Amino acid sequence: MLKLSWDLFVIVIFTVIVAYSIIIGREKTLRVTIATYLAILTADGLGNLFKQYVFSSKQFISIMHTVGIGTEDYTLILIKILVCIAAIVIVTIKGGFSVQSNFLNGGAVGVVMNMIFGFLSAGLLISTFLVYASGASFVSGSVTISNEALNEAYNQSEMIRMMIDNYNFWFSVPSLAFLITSLFNTAE
């Protein structure tokens, strides 16, 4: 019998993102990955500005309590995740750039390369959202889990623990892979 777990959830999300990457192709997968980096920086920057200026406003805190939105930490997590998703979608669809990759485009090797980029993109996305859900900043350099629900999932799931503990790996490797394949790219 199949046991539902956080590990299974992470595996399913990885699989869906890799399958989607195969469907859209390597150039669009790289475009999504680049958009993700821009979105991470945008969400962190705006989230930190929001925390610094808006959360310090007594009027905003009063409105939050009146509306019943929740704690500042929960609101900041929600803002970062929503801004990140919106930025990924906007930059991917409307961004004024294109990606051309002629390195190992055809055949089985091209499919494998696309799957690798899809896997790395999935790791970047999942680790980003887990770090945001923890209440931390993705580019701050350290993660302390302040979210009680995520802390429970972290303790129960080897995969979630791996994604959060190694977020610097997931943040840097997609870019490194793109840089390395760019050295061999024949597109101009």
N, C-alpha and C. Protein backbone atom coordinates (compact mmCIF):
# COMPACT_ATOMS: atom_id res chain seq x y z
N MET A 1 0.84 -1.18 0.00
CA MET A 1 0.00 0.00 0.00
C MET A 1 0.88 1.24 0.00
N LEU A 2 0.51 2.23 -0.75
CA LEU A 2 1.25 3.48 -0.87
C LEU A 2 1.00 4.34 0.35
N LYS A 3 2.07 4.73 1.00
CA LYS A 3 1.98 5.58 2.19
C LYS A 3 2.24 7.03 1.78
N LEU A 4 1.28 7.91 2.05
CA LEU A 4 1.46 9.32 1.73
C LEU A 4 2.45 9.93 2.72
N SER A 5 3.38 10.70 2.18
CA SER A 5 4.38 11.33 3.03
C SER A 5 4.87 12.59 2.34
N TRP A 6 5.63 13.38 3.09
CA TRP A 6 6.23 14.58 2.50
C TRP A 6 7.24 14.20 1.43
N ASP A 7 7.96 13.09 1.64
CA ASP A 7 8.92 12.65 0.63
C ASP A 7 8.22 12.36 -0.69
N LEU A 8 7.09 11.69 -0.63
CA LEU A 8 6.32 11.40 -1.83
C LEU A 8 5.85 12.70 -2.49
N PHE A 9 5.42 13.66 -1.70
CA PHE A 9 4.99 14.96 -2.23
C PHE A 9 6.13 15.63 -2.98
N VAL A 10 7.33 15.65 -2.40
CA VAL A 10 8.48 16.28 -3.06
C VAL A 10 8.82 15.53 -4.35
N ILE A 11 8.79 14.20 -4.32
CA ILE A 11 9.09 13.41 -5.52
C ILE A 11 8.07 13.71 -6.63
N VAL A 12 6.80 13.82 -6.28
CA VAL A 12 5.77 14.12 -7.28
C VAL A 12 6.00 15.50 -7.88
N ILE A 13 6.32 16.50 -7.05
CA ILE A 13 6.57 17.85 -7.57
C ILE A 13 7.79 17.84 -8.50
N PHE A 14 8.87 17.17 -8.09
CA PHE A 14 10.04 17.03 -8.96
C PHE A 14 9.64 16.42 -10.30
N THR A 15 8.88 15.33 -10.26
CA THR A 15 8.47 14.63 -11.47
C THR A 15 7.63 15.51 -12.38
N VAL A 16 6.70 16.24 -11.81
CA VAL A 16 5.84 17.13 -12.60
C VAL A 16 6.69 18.21 -13.27
N ILE A 17 7.62 18.81 -12.54
CA ILE A 17 8.45 19.88 -13.12
C ILE A 17 9.37 19.33 -14.20
N VAL A 18 9.95 18.16 -13.98
CA VAL A 18 10.82 17.56 -15.00
C VAL A 18 9.99 17.21 -16.24
N ALA A 19 8.82 16.64 -16.05
CA ALA A 19 7.95 16.31 -17.20
C ALA A 19 7.56 17.58 -17.95
N TYR A 20 7.22 18.63 -17.22
CA TYR A 20 6.87 19.91 -17.87
C TYR A 20 8.07 20.45 -18.64
N SER A 21 9.27 20.29 -18.09
CA SER A 21 10.48 20.76 -18.77
C SER A 21 10.69 20.02 -20.07
N ILE A 22 10.40 18.73 -20.09
CA ILE A 22 10.52 17.95 -21.32
C ILE A 22 9.51 18.45 -22.35
N ILE A 23 8.31 18.76 -21.89
CA ILE A 23 7.26 19.24 -22.79
C ILE A 23 7.62 20.59 -23.41
N ILE A 24 8.13 21.52 -22.60
CA ILE A 24 8.39 22.87 -23.12
C ILE A 24 9.74 23.00 -23.80
N GLY A 25 10.65 22.07 -23.57
CA GLY A 25 11.95 22.11 -24.23
C GLY A 25 13.00 22.82 -23.39
N ARG A 26 14.25 22.60 -23.80
CA ARG A 26 15.38 23.11 -23.01
C ARG A 26 15.45 24.63 -22.99
N GLU A 27 15.24 25.29 -24.12
CA GLU A 27 15.34 26.75 -24.12
C GLU A 27 14.32 27.38 -23.18
N LYS A 28 13.09 26.89 -23.20
CA LYS A 28 12.07 27.45 -22.30
C LYS A 28 12.32 27.05 -20.85
N THR A 29 12.88 25.87 -20.64
CA THR A 29 13.25 25.46 -19.28
C THR A 29 14.33 26.40 -18.75
N LEU A 30 15.32 26.71 -19.56
CA LEU A 30 16.36 27.65 -19.15
C LEU A 30 15.78 29.04 -18.91
N ARG A 31 14.82 29.42 -19.72
CA ARG A 31 14.15 30.71 -19.54
C ARG A 31 13.41 30.75 -18.19
N VAL A 32 12.73 29.66 -17.85
CA VAL A 32 12.05 29.57 -16.55
C VAL A 32 13.08 29.63 -15.42
N THR A 33 14.21 28.97 -15.59
CA THR A 33 15.24 28.96 -14.55
C THR A 33 15.80 30.37 -14.34
N ILE A 34 16.09 31.06 -15.42
CA ILE A 34 16.57 32.43 -15.31
C ILE A 34 15.50 33.32 -14.67
N ALA A 35 14.26 33.14 -15.06
CA ALA A 35 13.16 33.89 -14.46
C ALA A 35 13.06 33.59 -12.96
N THR A 36 13.35 32.34 -12.58
CA THR A 36 13.30 31.97 -11.17
C THR A 36 14.36 32.72 -10.37
N TYR A 37 15.56 32.83 -10.92
CA TYR A 37 16.60 33.60 -10.23
C TYR A 37 16.17 35.06 -10.04
N LEU A 38 15.64 35.66 -11.09
CA LEU A 38 15.17 37.05 -10.97
C LEU A 38 14.03 37.15 -9.97
N ALA A 39 13.16 36.17 -9.97
CA ALA A 39 12.03 36.16 -9.04
C ALA A 39 12.48 36.01 -7.59
N ILE A 40 13.48 35.18 -7.35
CA ILE A 40 14.01 34.99 -6.00
C ILE A 40 14.54 36.32 -5.47
N LEU A 41 15.32 37.00 -6.28
CA LEU A 41 15.89 38.28 -5.85
C LEU A 41 14.80 39.33 -5.65
N THR A 42 13.82 39.35 -6.53
CA THR A 42 12.70 40.29 -6.41
C THR A 42 11.90 40.02 -5.15
N ALA A 43 11.54 38.76 -4.93
CA ALA A 43 10.73 38.41 -3.76
C ALA A 43 11.47 38.69 -2.45
N ASP A 44 12.76 38.35 -2.41
CA ASP A 44 13.53 38.64 -1.20
C ASP A 44 13.64 40.13 -0.96
N GLY A 45 13.97 40.87 -2.01
CA GLY A 45 14.11 42.32 -1.85
C GLY A 45 12.82 42.99 -1.43
N LEU A 46 11.73 42.68 -2.13
CA LEU A 46 10.44 43.28 -1.78
C LEU A 46 9.95 42.82 -0.42
N GLY A 47 10.16 41.54 -0.12
CA GLY A 47 9.76 41.03 1.20
C GLY A 47 10.51 41.73 2.32
N ASN A 48 11.83 41.92 2.12
CA ASN A 48 12.62 42.60 3.14
C ASN A 48 12.23 44.07 3.28
N LEU A 49 11.94 44.74 2.16
CA LEU A 49 11.46 46.12 2.22
C LEU A 49 10.10 46.19 2.92
N PHE A 50 9.24 45.26 2.59
CA PHE A 50 7.91 45.20 3.21
C PHE A 50 8.05 45.03 4.72
N LYS A 51 8.94 44.12 5.12
CA LYS A 51 9.16 43.87 6.55
C LYS A 51 9.71 45.12 7.25
N GLN A 52 10.66 45.79 6.59
CA GLN A 52 11.31 46.94 7.19
C GLN A 52 10.39 48.14 7.31
N TYR A 53 9.61 48.42 6.26
CA TYR A 53 8.83 49.65 6.25
C TYR A 53 7.35 49.47 6.58
N VAL A 54 6.75 48.43 6.06
CA VAL A 54 5.31 48.25 6.26
C VAL A 54 5.00 47.62 7.61
N PHE A 55 5.78 46.59 7.97
CA PHE A 55 5.52 45.92 9.25
C PHE A 55 5.84 46.81 10.44
N SER A 56 6.65 47.82 10.24
CA SER A 56 6.96 48.73 11.34
C SER A 56 5.84 49.76 11.55
N SER A 57 4.88 49.79 10.62
CA SER A 57 3.76 50.72 10.72
C SER A 57 2.70 50.17 11.67
N LYS A 58 2.37 50.95 12.69
CA LYS A 58 1.34 50.54 13.66
C LYS A 58 -0.02 50.41 12.98
N GLN A 59 -0.27 51.22 11.95
CA GLN A 59 -1.55 51.14 11.25
C GLN A 59 -1.67 49.80 10.50
N PHE A 60 -0.59 49.36 9.87
CA PHE A 60 -0.63 48.10 9.15
C PHE A 60 -0.85 46.94 10.11
N ILE A 61 -0.14 46.94 11.23
CA ILE A 61 -0.30 45.87 12.22
C ILE A 61 -1.73 45.85 12.75
N SER A 62 -2.30 47.02 12.94
CA SER A 62 -3.69 47.11 13.39
C SER A 62 -4.65 46.52 12.35
N ILE A 63 -4.40 46.83 11.10
CA ILE A 63 -5.23 46.29 10.00
C ILE A 63 -5.08 44.77 9.93
N MET A 64 -3.85 44.27 10.06
CA MET A 64 -3.62 42.82 10.03
C MET A 64 -4.41 42.11 11.11
N HIS A 65 -4.41 42.67 12.31
CA HIS A 65 -5.13 42.03 13.41
C HIS A 65 -6.64 42.15 13.24
N THR A 66 -7.09 43.26 12.69
CA THR A 66 -8.52 43.47 12.46
C THR A 66 -9.05 42.50 11.41
N VAL A 67 -8.30 42.35 10.31
CA VAL A 67 -8.72 41.48 9.21
C VAL A 67 -8.48 40.01 9.57
N GLY A 68 -7.59 39.76 10.49
CA GLY A 68 -7.29 38.38 10.89
C GLY A 68 -6.38 37.67 9.92
N ILE A 69 -5.47 38.41 9.28
CA ILE A 69 -4.56 37.83 8.29
C ILE A 69 -3.60 36.85 8.95
N GLY A 70 -3.15 37.15 10.12
CA GLY A 70 -2.20 36.26 10.80
C GLY A 70 -1.00 37.03 11.27
N THR A 71 0.04 36.30 11.58
CA THR A 71 1.24 36.92 12.11
C THR A 71 2.03 37.61 11.00
N GLU A 72 2.98 38.42 11.42
CA GLU A 72 3.88 39.07 10.45
C GLU A 72 4.67 38.04 9.68
N ASP A 73 5.14 37.00 10.39
CA ASP A 73 5.93 35.96 9.72
C ASP A 73 5.11 35.26 8.64
N TYR A 74 3.88 34.90 8.95
CA TYR A 74 3.00 34.24 7.98
C TYR A 74 2.74 35.16 6.78
N THR A 75 2.49 36.43 7.06
CA THR A 75 2.23 37.39 5.98
C THR A 75 3.46 37.56 5.10
N LEU A 76 4.64 37.63 5.71
CA LEU A 76 5.88 37.77 4.94
C LEU A 76 6.12 36.54 4.06
N ILE A 77 5.89 35.35 4.62
CA ILE A 77 6.02 34.11 3.84
C ILE A 77 5.09 34.15 2.64
N LEU A 78 3.85 34.52 2.87
CA LEU A 78 2.86 34.59 1.79
C LEU A 78 3.26 35.61 0.73
N ILE A 79 3.72 36.77 1.16
CA ILE A 79 4.14 37.81 0.22
C ILE A 79 5.30 37.31 -0.65
N LYS A 80 6.32 36.72 -0.02
CA LYS A 80 7.48 36.25 -0.79
C LYS A 80 7.10 35.18 -1.79
N ILE A 81 6.28 34.23 -1.38
CA ILE A 81 5.89 33.15 -2.29
C ILE A 81 5.05 33.68 -3.44
N LEU A 82 4.08 34.55 -3.15
CA LEU A 82 3.23 35.11 -4.21
C LEU A 82 4.02 35.99 -5.17
N VAL A 83 4.91 36.83 -4.63
CA VAL A 83 5.74 37.68 -5.50
C VAL A 83 6.65 36.81 -6.36
N CYS A 84 7.22 35.77 -5.78
CA CYS A 84 8.11 34.89 -6.53
C CYS A 84 7.35 34.20 -7.68
N ILE A 85 6.20 33.65 -7.38
CA ILE A 85 5.40 32.99 -8.42
C ILE A 85 5.00 33.98 -9.52
N ALA A 86 4.51 35.14 -9.11
CA ALA A 86 4.09 36.16 -10.09
C ALA A 86 5.27 36.60 -10.95
N ALA A 87 6.43 36.81 -10.34
CA ALA A 87 7.60 37.24 -11.10
C ALA A 87 8.06 36.16 -12.08
N ILE A 88 8.02 34.89 -11.66
CA ILE A 88 8.41 33.80 -12.57
C ILE A 88 7.48 33.79 -13.78
N VAL A 89 6.20 33.88 -13.55
CA VAL A 89 5.23 33.85 -14.64
C VAL A 89 5.42 35.05 -15.57
N ILE A 90 5.53 36.24 -15.00
CA ILE A 90 5.65 37.45 -15.81
C ILE A 90 6.94 37.44 -16.63
N VAL A 91 8.07 37.14 -15.99
CA VAL A 91 9.34 37.16 -16.71
C VAL A 91 9.40 36.05 -17.76
N THR A 92 8.85 34.88 -17.44
CA THR A 92 8.86 33.78 -18.40
C THR A 92 8.02 34.11 -19.62
N ILE A 93 6.85 34.67 -19.39
CA ILE A 93 5.94 34.95 -20.50
C ILE A 93 6.27 36.25 -21.22
N LYS A 94 6.56 37.30 -20.47
CA LYS A 94 6.72 38.64 -21.06
C LYS A 94 8.15 39.16 -21.05
N GLY A 95 9.08 38.40 -20.47
CA GLY A 95 10.46 38.87 -20.38
C GLY A 95 11.03 39.16 -21.76
N GLY A 96 11.81 40.20 -21.85
CA GLY A 96 12.37 40.64 -23.13
C GLY A 96 13.67 39.94 -23.46
N PHE A 97 13.74 38.65 -23.30
CA PHE A 97 14.95 37.92 -23.64
C PHE A 97 14.57 36.53 -24.16
N SER A 98 15.51 35.94 -24.88
CA SER A 98 15.31 34.57 -25.34
C SER A 98 16.59 33.79 -25.05
N VAL A 99 16.45 32.49 -24.99
CA VAL A 99 17.58 31.62 -24.73
C VAL A 99 17.72 30.69 -25.93
N GLN A 100 18.94 30.64 -26.48
CA GLN A 100 19.21 29.73 -27.59
C GLN A 100 20.32 28.79 -27.16
N SER A 101 20.08 27.51 -27.35
CA SER A 101 21.06 26.51 -26.96
C SER A 101 21.21 25.51 -28.07
N ASN A 102 22.38 25.49 -28.68
CA ASN A 102 22.65 24.52 -29.74
C ASN A 102 23.55 23.39 -29.25
N PHE A 103 23.85 23.37 -27.97
CA PHE A 103 24.74 22.35 -27.42
C PHE A 103 23.94 21.09 -27.13
N LEU A 104 24.25 20.00 -27.81
CA LEU A 104 23.60 18.69 -27.62
C LEU A 104 22.08 18.80 -27.68
N ASN A 105 21.60 19.38 -28.76
CA ASN A 105 20.15 19.58 -28.90
C ASN A 105 19.40 18.34 -29.32
N GLY A 106 19.99 17.52 -30.15
CA GLY A 106 19.21 16.42 -30.72
C GLY A 106 19.42 15.09 -30.04
N GLY A 107 18.51 14.18 -30.33
CA GLY A 107 18.63 12.80 -29.91
C GLY A 107 18.44 12.57 -28.43
N ALA A 108 18.88 11.40 -28.01
CA ALA A 108 18.72 10.98 -26.61
C ALA A 108 19.52 11.86 -25.67
N VAL A 109 20.71 12.29 -26.10
CA VAL A 109 21.53 13.14 -25.24
C VAL A 109 20.84 14.48 -24.99
N GLY A 110 20.17 15.02 -26.01
CA GLY A 110 19.43 16.27 -25.85
C GLY A 110 18.29 16.12 -24.85
N VAL A 111 17.60 14.99 -24.90
CA VAL A 111 16.50 14.73 -23.95
C VAL A 111 17.06 14.62 -22.53
N VAL A 112 18.18 13.92 -22.40
CA VAL A 112 18.80 13.77 -21.08
C VAL A 112 19.24 15.13 -20.54
N MET A 113 19.84 15.95 -21.40
CA MET A 113 20.24 17.31 -20.98
C MET A 113 19.02 18.11 -20.54
N ASN A 114 17.93 18.00 -21.27
CA ASN A 114 16.70 18.70 -20.90
C ASN A 114 16.19 18.20 -19.55
N MET A 115 16.26 16.89 -19.32
CA MET A 115 15.82 16.33 -18.04
C MET A 115 16.71 16.83 -16.90
N ILE A 116 18.01 16.93 -17.16
CA ILE A 116 18.93 17.44 -16.13
C ILE A 116 18.58 18.88 -15.78
N PHE A 117 18.38 19.71 -16.81
CA PHE A 117 18.00 21.11 -16.53
C PHE A 117 16.64 21.18 -15.84
N GLY A 118 15.72 20.32 -16.22
CA GLY A 118 14.42 20.28 -15.54
C GLY A 118 14.56 19.88 -14.09
N PHE A 119 15.41 18.89 -13.81
CA PHE A 119 15.66 18.44 -12.44
C PHE A 119 16.27 19.57 -11.61
N LEU A 120 17.26 20.25 -12.18
CA LEU A 120 17.90 21.36 -11.46
C LEU A 120 16.93 22.52 -11.24
N SER A 121 16.09 22.79 -12.23
CA SER A 121 15.07 23.83 -12.09
C SER A 121 14.08 23.45 -11.00
N ALA A 122 13.68 22.19 -10.96
CA ALA A 122 12.76 21.71 -9.92
C ALA A 122 13.38 21.88 -8.54
N GLY A 123 14.64 21.51 -8.40
CA GLY A 123 15.33 21.66 -7.12
C GLY A 123 15.40 23.11 -6.69
N LEU A 124 15.67 24.00 -7.64
CA LEU A 124 15.72 25.43 -7.34
C LEU A 124 14.36 25.93 -6.86
N LEU A 125 13.31 25.57 -7.59
CA LEU A 125 11.96 26.02 -7.21
C LEU A 125 11.52 25.46 -5.86
N ILE A 126 11.69 24.17 -5.68
CA ILE A 126 11.22 23.54 -4.44
C ILE A 126 12.00 24.07 -3.24
N SER A 127 13.32 24.14 -3.36
CA SER A 127 14.11 24.63 -2.22
C SER A 127 13.79 26.08 -1.92
N THR A 128 13.53 26.88 -2.95
CA THR A 128 13.16 28.28 -2.73
C THR A 128 11.87 28.38 -1.94
N PHE A 129 10.85 27.65 -2.35
CA PHE A 129 9.56 27.75 -1.65
C PHE A 129 9.64 27.17 -0.24
N LEU A 130 10.46 26.13 -0.04
CA LEU A 130 10.64 25.59 1.31
C LEU A 130 11.37 26.59 2.20
N VAL A 131 12.39 27.24 1.66
CA VAL A 131 13.12 28.23 2.45
C VAL A 131 12.20 29.42 2.76
N TYR A 132 11.42 29.87 1.78
CA TYR A 132 10.47 30.95 2.05
C TYR A 132 9.45 30.51 3.10
N ALA A 133 8.96 29.27 3.00
CA ALA A 133 7.97 28.77 3.96
C ALA A 133 8.57 28.65 5.36
N SER A 134 9.89 28.52 5.43
CA SER A 134 10.55 28.44 6.73
C SER A 134 10.60 29.81 7.40
N GLY A 135 10.36 30.85 6.62
CA GLY A 135 10.42 32.21 7.15
C GLY A 135 11.75 32.89 6.91
N ALA A 136 12.64 32.23 6.19
CA ALA A 136 13.98 32.77 5.96
C ALA A 136 14.07 33.46 4.61
N SER A 137 15.17 34.13 4.40
CA SER A 137 15.48 34.74 3.12
C SER A 137 16.37 33.77 2.36
N PHE A 138 16.09 33.54 1.11
CA PHE A 138 16.83 32.54 0.33
C PHE A 138 18.29 32.93 0.14
N VAL A 139 18.58 34.20 0.02
CA VAL A 139 19.95 34.63 -0.25
C VAL A 139 20.66 35.14 1.00
N SER A 140 20.10 34.90 2.18
CA SER A 140 20.71 35.41 3.42
C SER A 140 21.91 34.61 3.87
N GLY A 141 21.98 33.33 3.52
CA GLY A 141 23.12 32.52 3.90
C GLY A 141 22.84 31.52 4.99
N SER A 142 21.73 31.67 5.71
CA SER A 142 21.39 30.69 6.74
C SER A 142 19.89 30.57 6.85
N VAL A 143 19.45 29.39 7.28
CA VAL A 143 18.02 29.15 7.41
C VAL A 143 17.73 28.67 8.83
N THR A 144 16.83 29.35 9.48
CA THR A 144 16.29 28.92 10.76
C THR A 144 14.80 28.76 10.55
N ILE A 145 14.29 27.57 10.80
CA ILE A 145 12.89 27.29 10.54
C ILE A 145 12.04 27.85 11.68
N SER A 146 11.26 28.89 11.36
CA SER A 146 10.39 29.49 12.38
C SER A 146 8.94 29.06 12.21
N ASN A 147 8.64 28.41 11.10
CA ASN A 147 7.28 27.95 10.81
C ASN A 147 7.08 26.57 11.45
N GLU A 148 6.12 26.48 12.36
CA GLU A 148 5.89 25.24 13.11
C GLU A 148 5.50 24.06 12.20
N ALA A 149 4.64 24.31 11.22
CA ALA A 149 4.20 23.24 10.32
C ALA A 149 5.38 22.73 9.48
N LEU A 150 6.19 23.63 8.98
CA LEU A 150 7.34 23.21 8.19
C LEU A 150 8.37 22.50 9.07
N ASN A 151 8.50 22.93 10.30
CA ASN A 151 9.42 22.27 11.22
C ASN A 151 9.03 20.81 11.41
N GLU A 152 7.75 20.54 11.50
CA GLU A 152 7.26 19.17 11.62
C GLU A 152 7.58 18.37 10.36
N ALA A 153 7.32 18.96 9.19
CA ALA A 153 7.63 18.29 7.92
C ALA A 153 9.14 18.07 7.79
N TYR A 154 9.92 19.04 8.23
CA TYR A 154 11.39 18.94 8.19
C TYR A 154 11.86 17.74 9.01
N ASN A 155 11.27 17.54 10.17
CA ASN A 155 11.66 16.44 11.03
C ASN A 155 11.17 15.09 10.52
N GLN A 156 10.08 15.07 9.74
CA GLN A 156 9.51 13.82 9.24
C GLN A 156 10.06 13.41 7.87
N SER A 157 10.57 14.34 7.11
CA SER A 157 10.91 14.07 5.72
C SER A 157 12.40 14.25 5.44
N GLU A 158 13.02 13.19 5.00
CA GLU A 158 14.42 13.23 4.60
C GLU A 158 14.62 14.17 3.40
N MET A 159 13.67 14.15 2.47
CA MET A 159 13.79 14.98 1.26
C MET A 159 13.66 16.46 1.58
N ILE A 160 12.70 16.82 2.41
CA ILE A 160 12.54 18.24 2.78
C ILE A 160 13.77 18.70 3.54
N ARG A 161 14.27 17.87 4.42
CA ARG A 161 15.49 18.20 5.17
C ARG A 161 16.65 18.40 4.19
N MET A 162 16.78 17.52 3.19
CA MET A 162 17.84 17.64 2.20
C MET A 162 17.69 18.93 1.38
N MET A 163 16.46 19.26 0.99
CA MET A 163 16.24 20.45 0.18
C MET A 163 16.58 21.73 0.96
N ILE A 164 16.21 21.79 2.22
CA ILE A 164 16.47 22.98 3.02
C ILE A 164 17.94 23.05 3.44
N ASP A 165 18.49 21.94 3.92
CA ASP A 165 19.88 21.95 4.38
C ASP A 165 20.86 22.24 3.26
N ASN A 166 20.51 21.87 2.04
CA ASN A 166 21.41 22.06 0.90
C ASN A 166 20.91 23.12 -0.08
N TYR A 167 20.23 24.12 0.44
CA TYR A 167 19.65 25.11 -0.47
C TYR A 167 20.71 25.88 -1.24
N ASN A 168 21.91 26.04 -0.68
CA ASN A 168 22.97 26.71 -1.44
C ASN A 168 23.36 25.90 -2.67
N PHE A 169 23.36 24.58 -2.55
CA PHE A 169 23.60 23.71 -3.70
C PHE A 169 22.52 23.92 -4.76
N TRP A 170 21.25 23.85 -4.33
CA TRP A 170 20.13 23.98 -5.28
C TRP A 170 20.09 25.37 -5.90
N PHE A 171 20.60 26.36 -5.18
CA PHE A 171 20.63 27.73 -5.71
C PHE A 171 21.74 27.91 -6.74
N SER A 172 22.87 27.29 -6.52
CA SER A 172 24.03 27.54 -7.38
C SER A 172 24.18 26.60 -8.57
N VAL A 173 23.79 25.35 -8.44
CA VAL A 173 24.07 24.36 -9.48
C VAL A 173 23.33 24.64 -10.80
N PRO A 174 22.05 25.06 -10.82
CA PRO A 174 21.44 25.35 -12.12
C PRO A 174 22.19 26.44 -12.89
N SER A 175 22.63 27.46 -12.18
CA SER A 175 23.39 28.53 -12.83
C SER A 175 24.74 28.02 -13.32
N LEU A 176 25.39 27.21 -12.51
CA LEU A 176 26.68 26.63 -12.90
C LEU A 176 26.52 25.74 -14.14
N ALA A 177 25.48 24.93 -14.18
CA ALA A 177 25.22 24.07 -15.35
C ALA A 177 24.97 24.91 -16.59
N PHE A 178 24.23 26.00 -16.43
CA PHE A 178 23.96 26.90 -17.56
C PHE A 178 25.26 27.55 -18.04
N LEU A 179 26.11 27.96 -17.10
CA LEU A 179 27.39 28.57 -17.48
C LEU A 179 28.28 27.57 -18.22
N ILE A 180 28.36 26.35 -17.72
CA ILE A 180 29.21 25.34 -18.35
C ILE A 180 28.72 25.01 -19.76
N THR A 181 27.41 24.80 -19.92
CA THR A 181 26.91 24.49 -21.27
C THR A 181 27.01 25.70 -22.19
N SER A 182 27.00 26.91 -21.63
CA SER A 182 27.18 28.11 -22.45
C SER A 182 28.56 28.16 -23.10
N LEU A 183 29.54 27.58 -22.43
CA LEU A 183 30.90 27.54 -23.01
C LEU A 183 30.93 26.75 -24.31
N PHE A 184 30.04 25.78 -24.45
CA PHE A 184 30.01 24.91 -25.62
C PHE A 184 28.89 25.26 -26.59
N ASN A 185 28.18 26.32 -26.32
CA ASN A 185 27.04 26.73 -27.14
C ASN A 185 27.55 27.35 -28.45
N THR A 186 26.99 26.94 -29.56
CA THR A 186 27.37 27.49 -30.85
C THR A 186 26.39 28.54 -31.35
N ALA A 187 25.30 28.79 -30.60
CA ALA A 187 24.32 29.81 -30.99
C ALA A 187 24.92 31.19 -30.77
N GLU A 188 24.53 32.15 -31.62
CA GLU A 188 25.02 33.51 -31.45
C GLU A 188 23.93 34.42 -31.01
